[in-house]
Amino acid sequence: MTLTFIELKTIDGIHKAVQTLLAETADMIYASAPGDYSNIALETLLQIHPIHLLKDEGKFFVIAGFRGFEMAKLCFEPDTELRCLVHIELDTDTIQELALIDIVGSPLLHSLGSKHLQQILALVKPFGAKATAYFPKTSSIRRIRGNRKPSN
């Protein structure tokens, strides 16, 4: 994979191998909206967490970093250059693995506070065993809640 700058308008959308996976979360609502970010904050977040693209037949398709891509489309002009990770050749299983890890893992990695359990349950429900294979803590409600402090 190569880290490079790509104009937003040259990204041709979501790769066909992950559209069904991504559709599983279509009814979920994100906690933030475009107005919650300054341009500099969103640009910086996209540098820290670049969109992953697959170059396929000369076109660029998103295979991970879906929320970043969505926010970029909503907030930036089409000629905005984004720093992206470009993959050249990946098989369908690897593409789907990256997508699933992004969809389930990214919110978990960045979660704070009491909503953590609800987020895990909401994401594990549509993906089941696939999600629990990558994130073992999601396989048990007890493990999600963690150890309780002993009472005095």
C-alpha atoms as a PDB file:
ATOM      1  CA  MET A   1       0.000   0.000   0.000  1.00  0.00           C
ATOM      2  CA  THR A   2       1.077   3.556  -0.668  1.00  0.00           C
ATOM      3  CA  LEU A   3       0.284   6.720   1.265  1.00  0.00           C
ATOM      4  CA  THR A   4      -0.574   9.439  -1.255  1.00  0.00           C
ATOM      5  CA  PHE A   5      -2.805  12.444  -1.853  1.00  0.00           C
ATOM      6  CA  ILE A   6      -5.971  11.868  -3.906  1.00  0.00           C
ATOM      7  CA  GLU A   7      -8.542  14.471  -4.935  1.00  0.00           C
ATOM      8  CA  LEU A   8     -11.912  13.711  -3.380  1.00  0.00           C
ATOM      9  CA  LYS A   9     -13.628  13.874  -6.776  1.00  0.00           C
ATOM     10  CA  THR A  10     -11.451  11.034  -8.109  1.00  0.00           C
ATOM     11  CA  ILE A  11     -12.751   8.557  -5.519  1.00  0.00           C
ATOM     12  CA  ASP A  12     -15.423   6.521  -7.276  1.00  0.00           C
ATOM     13  CA  GLY A  13     -17.322   5.416  -4.174  1.00  0.00           C
ATOM     14  CA  ILE A  14     -17.504   2.299  -2.049  1.00  0.00           C
ATOM     15  CA  HIS A  15     -15.994  -0.918  -3.415  1.00  0.00           C
ATOM     16  CA  LYS A  16     -18.623  -3.481  -4.470  1.00  0.00           C
ATOM     17  CA  ALA A  17     -17.065  -6.163  -2.236  1.00  0.00           C
ATOM     18  CA  VAL A  18     -18.026  -4.223   0.916  1.00  0.00           C
ATOM     19  CA  GLN A  19     -21.318  -2.577  -0.010  1.00  0.00           C
ATOM     20  CA  THR A  20     -23.371  -5.342   1.627  1.00  0.00           C
ATOM     21  CA  LEU A  21     -21.263  -5.207   4.792  1.00  0.00           C
ATOM     22  CA  LEU A  22     -21.617  -1.449   4.980  1.00  0.00           C
ATOM     23  CA  ALA A  23     -25.369  -1.680   4.407  1.00  0.00           C
ATOM     24  CA  GLU A  24     -25.641  -3.513   7.755  1.00  0.00           C
ATOM     25  CA  THR A  25     -25.007  -0.197   9.520  1.00  0.00           C
ATOM     26  CA  ALA A  26     -27.158   2.008   7.265  1.00  0.00           C
ATOM     27  CA  ASP A  27     -29.832   2.474   9.935  1.00  0.00           C
ATOM     28  CA  MET A  28     -27.352   3.439  12.646  1.00  0.00           C
ATOM     29  CA  ILE A  29     -26.939   7.095  13.504  1.00  0.00           C
ATOM     30  CA  TYR A  30     -23.529   8.614  14.163  1.00  0.00           C
ATOM     31  CA  ALA A  31     -23.000  10.743  17.245  1.00  0.00           C
ATOM     32  CA  SER A  32     -21.471  13.581  15.244  1.00  0.00           C
ATOM     33  CA  ALA A  33     -22.570  15.675  12.305  1.00  0.00           C
ATOM     34  CA  PRO A  34     -20.528  17.693   9.792  1.00  0.00           C
ATOM     35  CA  GLY A  35     -21.042  20.905  11.764  1.00  0.00           C
ATOM     36  CA  ASP A  36     -19.290  19.339  14.766  1.00  0.00           C
ATOM     37  CA  TYR A  37     -15.887  19.629  13.024  1.00  0.00           C
ATOM     38  CA  SER A  38     -13.825  22.561  11.881  1.00  0.00           C
ATOM     39  CA  ASN A  39     -12.136  21.955   8.531  1.00  0.00           C
ATOM     40  CA  ILE A  40      -8.741  21.771  10.190  1.00  0.00           C
ATOM     41  CA  ALA A  41      -9.992  19.200  12.720  1.00  0.00           C
ATOM     42  CA  LEU A  42     -11.506  17.000  10.014  1.00  0.00           C
ATOM     43  CA  GLU A  43      -8.415  17.336   7.799  1.00  0.00           C
ATOM     44  CA  THR A  44      -6.220  16.337  10.735  1.00  0.00           C
ATOM     45  CA  LEU A  45      -8.409  13.374  11.666  1.00  0.00           C
ATOM     46  CA  LEU A  46      -8.267  12.156   8.066  1.00  0.00           C
ATOM     47  CA  GLN A  47      -4.482  12.389   8.168  1.00  0.00           C
ATOM     48  CA  ILE A  48      -4.381  10.404  11.403  1.00  0.00           C
ATOM     49  CA  HIS A  49      -6.962   7.897  10.088  1.00  0.00           C
ATOM     50  CA  PRO A  50      -6.590   7.902   6.303  1.00  0.00           C
ATOM     51  CA  ILE A  51      -9.211   6.515   3.964  1.00  0.00           C
ATOM     52  CA  HIS A  52      -8.152   3.176   2.469  1.00  0.00           C
ATOM     53  CA  LEU A  53      -8.669   2.902  -1.267  1.00  0.00           C
ATOM     54  CA  LEU A  54      -8.318   0.045  -3.702  1.00  0.00           C
ATOM     55  CA  LYS A  55      -7.139   0.986  -7.166  1.00  0.00           C
ATOM     56  CA  ASP A  56      -9.131  -1.248  -9.481  1.00  0.00           C
ATOM     57  CA  GLU A  57      -9.068  -0.829 -13.270  1.00  0.00           C
ATOM     58  CA  GLY A  58      -7.740   2.710 -12.895  1.00  0.00           C
ATOM     59  CA  LYS A  59     -10.460   3.785 -10.444  1.00  0.00           C
ATOM     60  CA  PHE A  60     -10.270   4.346  -6.686  1.00  0.00           C
ATOM     61  CA  PHE A  61     -12.798   2.671  -4.380  1.00  0.00           C
ATOM     62  CA  VAL A  62     -13.123   2.999  -0.596  1.00  0.00           C
ATOM     63  CA  ILE A  63     -12.465  -0.249   1.303  1.00  0.00           C
ATOM     64  CA  ALA A  64     -11.995   1.221   4.815  1.00  0.00           C
ATOM     65  CA  GLY A  65     -12.339   4.632   6.408  1.00  0.00           C
ATOM     66  CA  PHE A  66     -15.996   4.854   5.424  1.00  0.00           C
ATOM     67  CA  ARG A  67     -17.021   7.478   7.971  1.00  0.00           C
ATOM     68  CA  GLY A  68     -14.053   9.658   7.045  1.00  0.00           C
ATOM     69  CA  PHE A  69     -15.021   9.396   3.382  1.00  0.00           C
ATOM     70  CA  GLU A  70     -18.634  10.259   4.188  1.00  0.00           C
ATOM     71  CA  MET A  71     -17.587  13.291   6.238  1.00  0.00           C
ATOM     72  CA  ALA A  72     -15.145  14.437   3.551  1.00  0.00           C
ATOM     73  CA  LYS A  73     -17.901  14.284   0.921  1.00  0.00           C
ATOM     74  CA  LEU A  74     -20.175  16.347   3.163  1.00  0.00           C
ATOM     75  CA  CYS A  75     -17.608  18.929   4.263  1.00  0.00           C
ATOM     76  CA  PHE A  76     -15.018  19.452   1.525  1.00  0.00           C
ATOM     77  CA  GLU A  77     -14.994  20.685  -2.030  1.00  0.00           C
ATOM     78  CA  PRO A  78     -14.547  17.984  -4.698  1.00  0.00           C
ATOM     79  CA  ASP A  79     -11.028  19.180  -5.577  1.00  0.00           C
ATOM     80  CA  THR A  80      -9.818  18.807  -1.962  1.00  0.00           C
ATOM     81  CA  GLU A  81      -6.801  16.520  -1.728  1.00  0.00           C
ATOM     82  CA  LEU A  82      -6.985  13.847   0.944  1.00  0.00           C
ATOM     83  CA  ARG A  83      -4.128  11.738   2.191  1.00  0.00           C
ATOM     84  CA  CYS A  84      -5.189   8.141   1.521  1.00  0.00           C
ATOM     85  CA  LEU A  85      -3.698   4.673   1.718  1.00  0.00           C
ATOM     86  CA  VAL A  86      -3.924   3.120  -1.733  1.00  0.00           C
ATOM     87  CA  HIS A  87      -3.903  -0.662  -2.115  1.00  0.00           C
ATOM     88  CA  ILE A  88      -3.234  -2.130  -5.553  1.00  0.00           C
ATOM     89  CA  GLU A  89      -4.154  -5.809  -5.353  1.00  0.00           C
ATOM     90  CA  LEU A  90      -6.277  -7.382  -2.634  1.00  0.00           C
ATOM     91  CA  ASP A  91      -8.540 -10.405  -2.729  1.00  0.00           C
ATOM     92  CA  THR A  92     -12.200 -10.099  -1.752  1.00  0.00           C
ATOM     93  CA  ASP A  93     -11.695 -11.760   1.650  1.00  0.00           C
ATOM     94  CA  THR A  94      -8.962  -9.273   2.598  1.00  0.00           C
ATOM     95  CA  ILE A  95     -11.072  -6.335   1.420  1.00  0.00           C
ATOM     96  CA  GLN A  96     -14.008  -7.530   3.518  1.00  0.00           C
ATOM     97  CA  GLU A  97     -11.752  -8.175   6.513  1.00  0.00           C
ATOM     98  CA  LEU A  98     -10.400  -4.600   6.384  1.00  0.00           C
ATOM     99  CA  ALA A  99     -13.931  -3.242   6.057  1.00  0.00           C
ATOM    100  CA  LEU A 100     -15.278  -5.239   8.986  1.00  0.00           C
ATOM    101  CA  ILE A 101     -12.373  -4.272  11.218  1.00  0.00           C
ATOM    102  CA  ASP A 102     -12.963  -0.623  10.307  1.00  0.00           C
ATOM    103  CA  ILE A 103     -16.746  -0.750  10.820  1.00  0.00           C
ATOM    104  CA  VAL A 104     -16.652  -2.569  14.163  1.00  0.00           C
ATOM    105  CA  GLY A 105     -13.217  -1.666  15.492  1.00  0.00           C
ATOM    106  CA  SER A 106     -12.978   2.063  14.864  1.00  0.00           C
ATOM    107  CA  PRO A 107     -15.903   3.054  17.106  1.00  0.00           C
ATOM    108  CA  LEU A 108     -14.645   0.715  19.819  1.00  0.00           C
ATOM    109  CA  LEU A 109     -11.126   2.088  19.631  1.00  0.00           C
ATOM    110  CA  HIS A 110     -12.329   5.654  20.115  1.00  0.00           C
ATOM    111  CA  SER A 111     -15.253   5.141  22.528  1.00  0.00           C
ATOM    112  CA  LEU A 112     -15.391   6.874  25.865  1.00  0.00           C
ATOM    113  CA  GLY A 113     -17.895   6.647  28.671  1.00  0.00           C
ATOM    114  CA  SER A 114     -21.016   4.636  29.346  1.00  0.00           C
ATOM    115  CA  LYS A 115     -22.200   4.316  25.752  1.00  0.00           C
ATOM    116  CA  HIS A 116     -19.414   1.803  25.069  1.00  0.00           C
ATOM    117  CA  LEU A 117     -21.572  -1.272  25.791  1.00  0.00           C
ATOM    118  CA  GLN A 118     -24.430  -0.041  23.608  1.00  0.00           C
ATOM    119  CA  GLN A 119     -22.041   0.629  20.720  1.00  0.00           C
ATOM    120  CA  ILE A 120     -20.521  -2.829  20.958  1.00  0.00           C
ATOM    121  CA  LEU A 121     -23.905  -4.525  21.065  1.00  0.00           C
ATOM    122  CA  ALA A 122     -25.215  -2.457  18.143  1.00  0.00           C
ATOM    123  CA  LEU A 123     -22.230  -3.389  15.990  1.00  0.00           C
ATOM    124  CA  VAL A 124     -21.977  -7.046  16.980  1.00  0.00           C
ATOM    125  CA  LYS A 125     -25.651  -7.721  16.288  1.00  0.00           C
ATOM    126  CA  PRO A 126     -25.438  -7.500  12.466  1.00  0.00           C
ATOM    127  CA  PHE A 127     -21.978  -9.081  12.185  1.00  0.00           C
ATOM    128  CA  GLY A 128     -22.112 -11.798  14.869  1.00  0.00           C
ATOM    129  CA  ALA A 129     -19.268 -14.303  14.807  1.00  0.00           C
ATOM    130  CA  LYS A 130     -17.237 -12.278  12.329  1.00  0.00           C
ATOM    131  CA  ALA A 131     -17.054  -9.356  14.733  1.00  0.00           C
ATOM    132  CA  THR A 132     -16.314 -11.499  17.763  1.00  0.00           C
ATOM    133  CA  ALA A 133     -13.462 -13.220  15.909  1.00  0.00           C
ATOM    134  CA  TYR A 134     -11.631  -9.893  15.540  1.00  0.00           C
ATOM    135  CA  PHE A 135     -12.702  -8.394  18.867  1.00  0.00           C
ATOM    136  CA  PRO A 136     -12.878 -11.206  21.455  1.00  0.00           C
ATOM    137  CA  LYS A 137     -14.189  -8.950  24.186  1.00  0.00           C
ATOM    138  CA  THR A 138     -17.439  -8.656  22.205  1.00  0.00           C
ATOM    139  CA  SER A 139     -18.172 -12.385  22.565  1.00  0.00           C
ATOM    140  CA  SER A 140     -19.505 -12.063  26.114  1.00  0.00           C
ATOM    141  CA  ILE A 141     -21.580  -9.384  27.816  1.00  0.00           C
ATOM    142  CA  ARG A 142     -19.675 -10.108  31.044  1.00  0.00           C
ATOM    143  CA  ARG A 143     -16.357  -9.465  29.337  1.00  0.00           C
ATOM    144  CA  ILE A 144     -17.707  -6.263  27.797  1.00  0.00           C
ATOM    145  CA  ARG A 145     -18.740  -4.924  31.184  1.00  0.00           C
ATOM    146  CA  GLY A 146     -15.370  -5.815  32.721  1.00  0.00           C
ATOM    147  CA  ASN A 147     -14.501  -6.643  36.269  1.00  0.00           C
ATOM    148  CA  ARG A 148     -16.489  -4.931  38.948  1.00  0.00           C
ATOM    149  CA  LYS A 149     -14.774  -3.369  41.918  1.00  0.00           C
ATOM    150  CA  PRO A 150     -15.402  -5.260  45.171  1.00  0.00           C
ATOM    151  CA  SER A 151     -17.799  -3.505  47.536  1.00  0.00           C
ATOM    152  CA  ASN A 152     -16.587  -2.552  50.997  1.00  0.00           C
END
